[in-house]
Amino acid sequence: MQMVESSVARDMITRLTHIQNEIGALVEEMETLSDECLMKDIEESRKDFKEGKYHVLKTDEDIDEFFKDLL
């Protein structure tokens, strides 16, 4: 009987941990969606991408070249 209770308890802990993780993810998403500045930046990035305004960085050299003026 105790083994069954232990198994049920482990299952409950697993489920509760999953629910806790899901709630954390939802809170994070709500924080992102409620940040007007961030959402504006995301929308501008989507627009830039659709217009082809992006860079493909495949190598370390590509990355160095792209960010050379920032260093």
PDB file of N, CA and C in Angstrom:
ATOM      1  N   MET A   1       0.820  -1.201   0.000  1.00  0.00           N
ATOM      2  CA  MET A   1       0.000   0.000   0.000  1.00  0.00           C
ATOM      3  C   MET A   1       0.863   1.265   0.000  1.00  0.00           C
ATOM      4  N   GLN A   2       1.937   1.219   0.798  1.00  0.00           N
ATOM      5  CA  GLN A   2       2.806   2.380   0.865  1.00  0.00           C
ATOM      6  C   GLN A   2       3.490   2.642  -0.476  1.00  0.00           C
ATOM      7  N   MET A   3       3.813   1.583  -1.213  1.00  0.00           N
ATOM      8  CA  MET A   3       4.450   1.738  -2.521  1.00  0.00           C
ATOM      9  C   MET A   3       3.512   2.420  -3.503  1.00  0.00           C
ATOM     10  N   VAL A   4       2.226   2.108  -3.446  1.00  0.00           N
ATOM     11  CA  VAL A   4       1.239   2.748  -4.313  1.00  0.00           C
ATOM     12  C   VAL A   4       1.137   4.220  -3.968  1.00  0.00           C
ATOM     13  N   GLU A   5       1.100   4.546  -2.676  1.00  0.00           N
ATOM     14  CA  GLU A   5       1.017   5.947  -2.245  1.00  0.00           C
ATOM     15  C   GLU A   5       2.258   6.711  -2.692  1.00  0.00           C
ATOM     16  N   SER A   6       3.432   6.061  -2.604  1.00  0.00           N
ATOM     17  CA  SER A   6       4.679   6.685  -3.021  1.00  0.00           C
ATOM     18  C   SER A   6       4.662   6.961  -4.518  1.00  0.00           C
ATOM     19  N   SER A   7       4.142   6.027  -5.294  1.00  0.00           N
ATOM     20  CA  SER A   7       4.048   6.193  -6.733  1.00  0.00           C
ATOM     21  C   SER A   7       3.091   7.330  -7.083  1.00  0.00           C
ATOM     22  N   VAL A   8       1.988   7.391  -6.390  1.00  0.00           N
ATOM     23  CA  VAL A   8       1.009   8.461  -6.616  1.00  0.00           C
ATOM     24  C   VAL A   8       1.620   9.807  -6.244  1.00  0.00           C
ATOM     25  N   ALA A   9       2.343   9.849  -5.145  1.00  0.00           N
ATOM     26  CA  ALA A   9       2.974  11.100  -4.714  1.00  0.00           C
ATOM     27  C   ALA A   9       4.000  11.567  -5.745  1.00  0.00           C
ATOM     28  N   ARG A  10       4.816  10.656  -6.274  1.00  0.00           N
ATOM     29  CA  ARG A  10       5.799  11.022  -7.300  1.00  0.00           C
ATOM     30  C   ARG A  10       5.106  11.551  -8.554  1.00  0.00           C
ATOM     31  N   ASP A  11       4.019  10.897  -8.933  1.00  0.00           N
ATOM     32  CA  ASP A  11       3.264  11.333 -10.107  1.00  0.00           C
ATOM     33  C   ASP A  11       2.695  12.726  -9.894  1.00  0.00           C
ATOM     34  N   MET A  12       2.188  12.968  -8.703  1.00  0.00           N
ATOM     35  CA  MET A  12       1.624  14.295  -8.386  1.00  0.00           C
ATOM     36  C   MET A  12       2.713  15.361  -8.415  1.00  0.00           C
ATOM     37  N   ILE A  13       3.877  15.048  -7.866  1.00  0.00           N
ATOM     38  CA  ILE A  13       4.984  16.008  -7.871  1.00  0.00           C
ATOM     39  C   ILE A  13       5.400  16.312  -9.302  1.00  0.00           C
ATOM     40  N   THR A  14       5.484  15.293 -10.134  1.00  0.00           N
ATOM     41  CA  THR A  14       5.837  15.487 -11.544  1.00  0.00           C
ATOM     42  C   THR A  14       4.817  16.381 -12.227  1.00  0.00           C
ATOM     43  N   ARG A  15       3.542  16.111 -12.009  1.00  0.00           N
ATOM     44  CA  ARG A  15       2.483  16.925 -12.628  1.00  0.00           C
ATOM     45  C   ARG A  15       2.522  18.361 -12.129  1.00  0.00           C
ATOM     46  N   LEU A  16       2.701  18.535 -10.813  1.00  0.00           N
ATOM     47  CA  LEU A  16       2.744  19.886 -10.245  1.00  0.00           C
ATOM     48  C   LEU A  16       3.956  20.662 -10.752  1.00  0.00           C
ATOM     49  N   THR A  17       5.080  19.991 -10.908  1.00  0.00           N
ATOM     50  CA  THR A  17       6.270  20.639 -11.446  1.00  0.00           C
ATOM     51  C   THR A  17       6.013  21.091 -12.879  1.00  0.00           C
ATOM     52  N   HIS A  18       5.358  20.239 -13.657  1.00  0.00           N
ATOM     53  CA  HIS A  18       5.016  20.601 -15.039  1.00  0.00           C
ATOM     54  C   HIS A  18       4.081  21.812 -15.052  1.00  0.00           C
ATOM     55  N   ILE A  19       3.094  21.813 -14.200  1.00  0.00           N
ATOM     56  CA  ILE A  19       2.149  22.939 -14.127  1.00  0.00           C
ATOM     57  C   ILE A  19       2.879  24.211 -13.719  1.00  0.00           C
ATOM     58  N   GLN A  20       3.791  24.100 -12.757  1.00  0.00           N
ATOM     59  CA  GLN A  20       4.566  25.259 -12.317  1.00  0.00           C
ATOM     60  C   GLN A  20       5.388  25.821 -13.481  1.00  0.00           C
ATOM     61  N   ASN A  21       6.008  24.946 -14.257  1.00  0.00           N
ATOM     62  CA  ASN A  21       6.787  25.393 -15.412  1.00  0.00           C
ATOM     63  C   ASN A  21       5.902  26.067 -16.459  1.00  0.00           C
ATOM     64  N   GLU A  22       4.725  25.510 -16.686  1.00  0.00           N
ATOM     65  CA  GLU A  22       3.790  26.100 -17.652  1.00  0.00           C
ATOM     66  C   GLU A  22       3.335  27.485 -17.189  1.00  0.00           C
ATOM     67  N   ILE A  23       3.051  27.627 -15.910  1.00  0.00           N
ATOM     68  CA  ILE A  23       2.634  28.930 -15.369  1.00  0.00           C
ATOM     69  C   ILE A  23       3.769  29.942 -15.525  1.00  0.00           C
ATOM     70  N   GLY A  24       4.995  29.514 -15.235  1.00  0.00           N
ATOM     71  CA  GLY A  24       6.148  30.399 -15.401  1.00  0.00           C
ATOM     72  C   GLY A  24       6.284  30.873 -16.835  1.00  0.00           C
ATOM     73  N   ALA A  25       6.089  29.964 -17.784  1.00  0.00           N
ATOM     74  CA  ALA A  25       6.174  30.330 -19.201  1.00  0.00           C
ATOM     75  C   ALA A  25       5.067  31.308 -19.587  1.00  0.00           C
ATOM     76  N   LEU A  26       3.872  31.097 -19.055  1.00  0.00           N
ATOM     77  CA  LEU A  26       2.758  32.008 -19.344  1.00  0.00           C
ATOM     78  C   LEU A  26       3.013  33.394 -18.770  1.00  0.00           C
ATOM     79  N   VAL A  27       3.545  33.453 -17.573  1.00  0.00           N
ATOM     80  CA  VAL A  27       3.863  34.749 -16.957  1.00  0.00           C
ATOM     81  C   VAL A  27       4.896  35.483 -17.798  1.00  0.00           C
ATOM     82  N   GLU A  28       5.916  34.755 -18.238  1.00  0.00           N
ATOM     83  CA  GLU A  28       6.952  35.354 -19.074  1.00  0.00           C
ATOM     84  C   GLU A  28       6.360  35.887 -20.379  1.00  0.00           C
ATOM     85  N   GLU A  29       5.475  35.118 -20.987  1.00  0.00           N
ATOM     86  CA  GLU A  29       4.845  35.560 -22.232  1.00  0.00           C
ATOM     87  C   GLU A  29       3.974  36.794 -21.995  1.00  0.00           C
ATOM     88  N   MET A  30       3.254  36.812 -20.888  1.00  0.00           N
ATOM     89  CA  MET A  30       2.416  37.976 -20.583  1.00  0.00           C
ATOM     90  C   MET A  30       3.275  39.217 -20.354  1.00  0.00           C
ATOM     91  N   GLU A  31       4.432  39.044 -19.706  1.00  0.00           N
ATOM     92  CA  GLU A  31       5.323  40.176 -19.488  1.00  0.00           C
ATOM     93  C   GLU A  31       5.832  40.715 -20.819  1.00  0.00           C
ATOM     94  N   THR A  32       6.169  39.825 -21.725  1.00  0.00           N
ATOM     95  CA  THR A  32       6.636  40.247 -23.047  1.00  0.00           C
ATOM     96  C   THR A  32       5.529  40.980 -23.795  1.00  0.00           C
ATOM     97  N   LEU A  33       4.344  40.393 -23.814  1.00  0.00           N
ATOM     98  CA  LEU A  33       3.230  40.992 -24.557  1.00  0.00           C
ATOM     99  C   LEU A  33       2.781  42.327 -23.974  1.00  0.00           C
ATOM    100  N   SER A  34       3.024  42.549 -22.687  1.00  0.00           N
ATOM    101  CA  SER A  34       2.594  43.802 -22.064  1.00  0.00           C
ATOM    102  C   SER A  34       3.656  44.894 -22.150  1.00  0.00           C
ATOM    103  N   ASP A  35       4.832  44.563 -22.648  1.00  0.00           N
ATOM    104  CA  ASP A  35       5.910  45.537 -22.799  1.00  0.00           C
ATOM    105  C   ASP A  35       5.766  46.209 -24.167  1.00  0.00           C
ATOM    106  N   GLU A  36       5.185  47.407 -24.170  1.00  0.00           N
ATOM    107  CA  GLU A  36       4.886  48.101 -25.422  1.00  0.00           C
ATOM    108  C   GLU A  36       6.136  48.374 -26.254  1.00  0.00           C
ATOM    109  N   CYS A  37       7.217  48.745 -25.609  1.00  0.00           N
ATOM    110  CA  CYS A  37       8.457  49.046 -26.334  1.00  0.00           C
ATOM    111  C   CYS A  37       9.009  47.787 -26.991  1.00  0.00           C
ATOM    112  N   LEU A  38       9.021  46.701 -26.256  1.00  0.00           N
ATOM    113  CA  LEU A  38       9.512  45.441 -26.802  1.00  0.00           C
ATOM    114  C   LEU A  38       8.641  44.959 -27.958  1.00  0.00           C
ATOM    115  N   MET A  39       7.329  45.061 -27.812  1.00  0.00           N
ATOM    116  CA  MET A  39       6.430  44.625 -28.880  1.00  0.00           C
ATOM    117  C   MET A  39       6.615  45.485 -30.129  1.00  0.00           C
ATOM    118  N   LYS A  40       6.866  46.770 -29.942  1.00  0.00           N
ATOM    119  CA  LYS A  40       7.131  47.653 -31.085  1.00  0.00           C
ATOM    120  C   LYS A  40       8.412  47.215 -31.791  1.00  0.00           C
ATOM    121  N   ASP A  41       9.446  46.911 -31.011  1.00  0.00           N
ATOM    122  CA  ASP A  41      10.708  46.451 -31.598  1.00  0.00           C
ATOM    123  C   ASP A  41      10.527  45.135 -32.359  1.00  0.00           C
ATOM    124  N   ILE A  42       9.745  44.224 -31.793  1.00  0.00           N
ATOM    125  CA  ILE A  42       9.483  42.943 -32.456  1.00  0.00           C
ATOM    126  C   ILE A  42       8.763  43.168 -33.777  1.00  0.00           C
ATOM    127  N   GLU A  43       7.775  44.043 -33.775  1.00  0.00           N
ATOM    128  CA  GLU A  43       7.031  44.321 -35.002  1.00  0.00           C
ATOM    129  C   GLU A  43       7.931  44.956 -36.063  1.00  0.00           C
ATOM    130  N   GLU A  44       8.811  45.875 -35.634  1.00  0.00           N
ATOM    131  CA  GLU A  44       9.750  46.480 -36.577  1.00  0.00           C
ATOM    132  C   GLU A  44      10.695  45.427 -37.147  1.00  0.00           C
ATOM    133  N   SER A  45      11.125  44.491 -36.309  1.00  0.00           N
ATOM    134  CA  SER A  45      12.005  43.418 -36.770  1.00  0.00           C
ATOM    135  C   SER A  45      11.302  42.522 -37.781  1.00  0.00           C
ATOM    136  N   ARG A  46      10.047  42.218 -37.533  1.00  0.00           N
ATOM    137  CA  ARG A  46       9.271  41.413 -38.494  1.00  0.00           C
ATOM    138  C   ARG A  46       9.173  42.125 -39.839  1.00  0.00           C
ATOM    139  N   LYS A  47       8.920  43.426 -39.775  1.00  0.00           N
ATOM    140  CA  LYS A  47       8.808  44.226 -40.997  1.00  0.00           C
ATOM    141  C   LYS A  47      10.134  44.233 -41.739  1.00  0.00           C
ATOM    142  N   ASP A  48      11.230  44.456 -41.012  1.00  0.00           N
ATOM    143  CA  ASP A  48      12.552  44.448 -41.634  1.00  0.00           C
ATOM    144  C   ASP A  48      12.835  43.102 -42.296  1.00  0.00           C
ATOM    145  N   PHE A  49      12.499  42.016 -41.624  1.00  0.00           N
ATOM    146  CA  PHE A  49      12.741  40.685 -42.165  1.00  0.00           C
ATOM    147  C   PHE A  49      11.959  40.470 -43.459  1.00  0.00           C
ATOM    148  N   LYS A  50      10.683  40.867 -43.448  1.00  0.00           N
ATOM    149  CA  LYS A  50       9.860  40.721 -44.648  1.00  0.00           C
ATOM    150  C   LYS A  50      10.415  41.530 -45.814  1.00  0.00           C
ATOM    151  N   GLU A  51      11.050  42.659 -45.499  1.00  0.00           N
ATOM    152  CA  GLU A  51      11.618  43.522 -46.531  1.00  0.00           C
ATOM    153  C   GLU A  51      13.038  43.100 -46.920  1.00  0.00           C
ATOM    154  N   GLY A  52      13.508  42.019 -46.332  1.00  0.00           N
ATOM    155  CA  GLY A  52      14.839  41.520 -46.671  1.00  0.00           C
ATOM    156  C   GLY A  52      15.981  42.244 -45.987  1.00  0.00           C
ATOM    157  N   LYS A  53      15.669  42.998 -44.959  1.00  0.00           N
ATOM    158  CA  LYS A  53      16.700  43.757 -44.238  1.00  0.00           C
ATOM    159  C   LYS A  53      17.244  42.921 -43.077  1.00  0.00           C
ATOM    160  N   TYR A  54      18.071  41.951 -43.427  1.00  0.00           N
ATOM    161  CA  TYR A  54      18.708  41.128 -42.395  1.00  0.00           C
ATOM    162  C   TYR A  54      20.025  40.592 -42.929  1.00  0.00           C
ATOM    163  N   HIS A  55      20.839  40.102 -42.034  1.00  0.00           N
ATOM    164  CA  HIS A  55      22.144  39.560 -42.400  1.00  0.00           C
ATOM    165  C   HIS A  55      22.206  38.096 -41.961  1.00  0.00           C
ATOM    166  N   VAL A  56      22.814  37.275 -42.782  1.00  0.00           N
ATOM    167  CA  VAL A  56      23.042  35.875 -42.432  1.00  0.00           C
ATOM    168  C   VAL A  56      24.486  35.761 -41.965  1.00  0.00           C
ATOM    169  N   LEU A  57      24.660  35.345 -40.714  1.00  0.00           N
ATOM    170  CA  LEU A  57      25.993  35.219 -40.139  1.00  0.00           C
ATOM    171  C   LEU A  57      26.282  33.733 -39.946  1.00  0.00           C
ATOM    172  N   LYS A  58      27.127  33.182 -40.813  1.00  0.00           N
ATOM    173  CA  LYS A  58      27.392  31.746 -40.793  1.00  0.00           C
ATOM    174  C   LYS A  58      28.724  31.391 -40.150  1.00  0.00           C
ATOM    175  N   THR A  59      29.644  32.321 -40.141  1.00  0.00           N
ATOM    176  CA  THR A  59      30.970  32.012 -39.619  1.00  0.00           C
ATOM    177  C   THR A  59      31.379  33.031 -38.561  1.00  0.00           C
ATOM    178  N   ASP A  60      32.420  32.717 -37.831  1.00  0.00           N
ATOM    179  CA  ASP A  60      32.951  33.671 -36.851  1.00  0.00           C
ATOM    180  C   ASP A  60      33.408  34.950 -37.543  1.00  0.00           C
ATOM    181  N   GLU A  61      33.955  34.791 -38.735  1.00  0.00           N
ATOM    182  CA  GLU A  61      34.410  35.961 -39.493  1.00  0.00           C
ATOM    183  C   GLU A  61      33.230  36.858 -39.874  1.00  0.00           C
ATOM    184  N   ASP A  62      32.106  36.242 -40.257  1.00  0.00           N
ATOM    185  CA  ASP A  62      30.894  37.016 -40.560  1.00  0.00           C
ATOM    186  C   ASP A  62      30.458  37.823 -39.348  1.00  0.00           C
ATOM    187  N   ILE A  63      30.495  37.191 -38.199  1.00  0.00           N
ATOM    188  CA  ILE A  63      30.084  37.857 -36.955  1.00  0.00           C
ATOM    189  C   ILE A  63      31.037  38.994 -36.631  1.00  0.00           C
ATOM    190  N   ASP A  64      32.338  38.728 -36.730  1.00  0.00           N
ATOM    191  CA  ASP A  64      33.327  39.780 -36.460  1.00  0.00           C
ATOM    192  C   ASP A  64      33.147  40.961 -37.392  1.00  0.00           C
ATOM    193  N   GLU A  65      32.915  40.697 -38.663  1.00  0.00           N
ATOM    194  CA  GLU A  65      32.731  41.760 -39.644  1.00  0.00           C
ATOM    195  C   GLU A  65      31.463  42.570 -39.344  1.00  0.00           C
ATOM    196  N   PHE A  66      30.399  41.886 -38.993  1.00  0.00           N
ATOM    197  CA  PHE A  66      29.130  42.552 -38.721  1.00  0.00           C
ATOM    198  C   PHE A  66      29.227  43.492 -37.519  1.00  0.00           C
ATOM    199  N   PHE A  67      29.967  43.061 -36.472  1.00  0.00           N
ATOM    200  CA  PHE A  67      30.029  43.831 -35.240  1.00  0.00           C
ATOM    201  C   PHE A  67      31.315  44.639 -35.074  1.00  0.00           C
ATOM    202  N   LYS A  68      32.134  44.732 -36.117  1.00  0.00           N
ATOM    203  CA  LYS A  68      33.440  45.377 -35.988  1.00  0.00           C
ATOM    204  C   LYS A  68      33.340  46.839 -35.537  1.00  0.00           C
ATOM    205  N   ASP A  69      32.310  47.531 -35.962  1.00  0.00           N
ATOM    206  CA  ASP A  69      32.177  48.945 -35.602  1.00  0.00           C
ATOM    207  C   ASP A  69      31.696  49.152 -34.161  1.00  0.00           C
ATOM    208  N   LEU A  70      31.219  48.104 -33.538  1.00  0.00           N
ATOM    209  CA  LEU A  70      30.719  48.212 -32.168  1.00  0.00           C
ATOM    210  C   LEU A  70      31.796  47.986 -31.111  1.00  0.00           C
ATOM    211  N   LEU A  71      32.897  47.394 -31.527  1.00  0.00           N
ATOM    212  CA  LEU A  71      33.947  47.047 -30.561  1.00  0.00           C
ATOM    213  C   LEU A  71      34.929  48.155 -30.348  1.00  0.00           C
TER     214      LEU A  71
END
